[in-house]
Amino acid sequence: WDAAYERELQTFQDIGDAGEIWFGEESMARIIRWLQKQKVPLDSSVLDIGTGNGVFLTELVGRW
């Protein structure tokens, strides 16, 4: 797995490709809307189990 993650990181650094996205934009947006509706504080910690390439966490930083 270390080699796989190294390739993902290198690809992202080279061309900005976030890799495989398992859940689409609408799924991420729906979760973010739910978090906002629940009034989850912006400084809350987030544990993204099975994060894969971490694209959801990147979306959280950019949208929330």
Protein backbone atom coordinates (compact mmCIF):
# COMPACT_ATOMS: atom_id res chain seq x y z
CA TRP A 1 0.00 0.00 0.00
CA ASP A 2 2.86 2.36 0.66
CA ALA A 3 3.84 2.20 -3.00
CA ALA A 4 0.24 2.77 -4.10
CA TYR A 5 -0.08 5.86 -1.92
CA GLU A 6 3.26 7.16 -3.15
CA ARG A 7 2.01 6.86 -6.76
CA GLU A 8 -1.23 8.65 -5.86
CA LEU A 9 0.70 11.46 -4.19
CA GLN A 10 3.12 11.78 -7.10
CA THR A 11 0.24 11.87 -9.61
CA PHE A 12 -1.50 14.56 -7.60
CA GLN A 13 1.68 16.62 -7.36
CA ASP A 14 2.43 16.19 -11.09
CA ILE A 15 -1.00 16.87 -12.60
CA GLY A 16 -3.42 17.65 -9.77
CA ASP A 17 -5.37 14.42 -10.27
CA ALA A 18 -7.19 13.53 -7.03
CA GLY A 19 -7.43 9.88 -8.08
CA GLU A 20 -10.49 7.68 -7.83
CA ILE A 21 -13.54 9.40 -6.38
CA TRP A 22 -15.94 6.84 -4.94
CA PHE A 23 -18.73 9.25 -4.10
CA GLY A 24 -19.77 11.97 -6.50
CA GLU A 25 -20.00 15.68 -5.92
CA GLU A 26 -23.68 15.46 -4.98
CA SER A 27 -22.98 12.90 -2.24
CA MET A 28 -20.31 15.12 -0.73
CA ALA A 29 -22.50 18.21 -1.02
CA ARG A 30 -25.39 16.37 0.69
CA ILE A 31 -23.18 15.40 3.64
CA ILE A 32 -21.87 18.94 3.95
CA ARG A 33 -25.43 20.35 3.89
CA TRP A 34 -26.37 17.87 6.64
CA LEU A 35 -23.39 18.95 8.76
CA GLN A 36 -24.40 22.59 8.33
CA LYS A 37 -28.04 21.82 9.20
CA GLN A 38 -26.89 20.07 12.38
CA LYS A 39 -24.83 23.18 13.21
CA VAL A 40 -21.64 21.15 13.60
CA PRO A 41 -18.98 23.69 14.63
CA LEU A 42 -16.43 24.52 11.94
CA ASP A 43 -13.56 23.65 14.27
CA SER A 44 -14.87 20.13 14.93
CA SER A 45 -12.58 17.17 14.37
CA VAL A 46 -13.55 14.81 11.56
CA LEU A 47 -12.72 11.13 11.32
CA ASP A 48 -13.24 9.98 7.74
CA ILE A 49 -13.08 6.20 8.06
CA GLY A 50 -12.01 4.54 4.85
CA THR A 51 -11.08 7.92 3.42
CA GLY A 52 -9.37 6.48 0.34
CA ASN A 53 -7.70 9.40 -1.39
CA GLY A 54 -9.16 11.95 1.03
CA VAL A 55 -11.13 13.90 -1.57
CA PHE A 56 -14.08 14.33 0.83
CA LEU A 57 -11.83 15.93 3.43
CA THR A 58 -10.49 18.25 0.74
CA GLU A 59 -14.08 19.20 -0.10
CA LEU A 60 -14.80 19.89 3.56
CA VAL A 61 -11.93 22.33 3.73
CA GLY A 62 -12.98 24.05 0.51
CA ARG A 63 -16.74 24.27 1.05
CA TRP A 64 -17.44 24.35 4.73
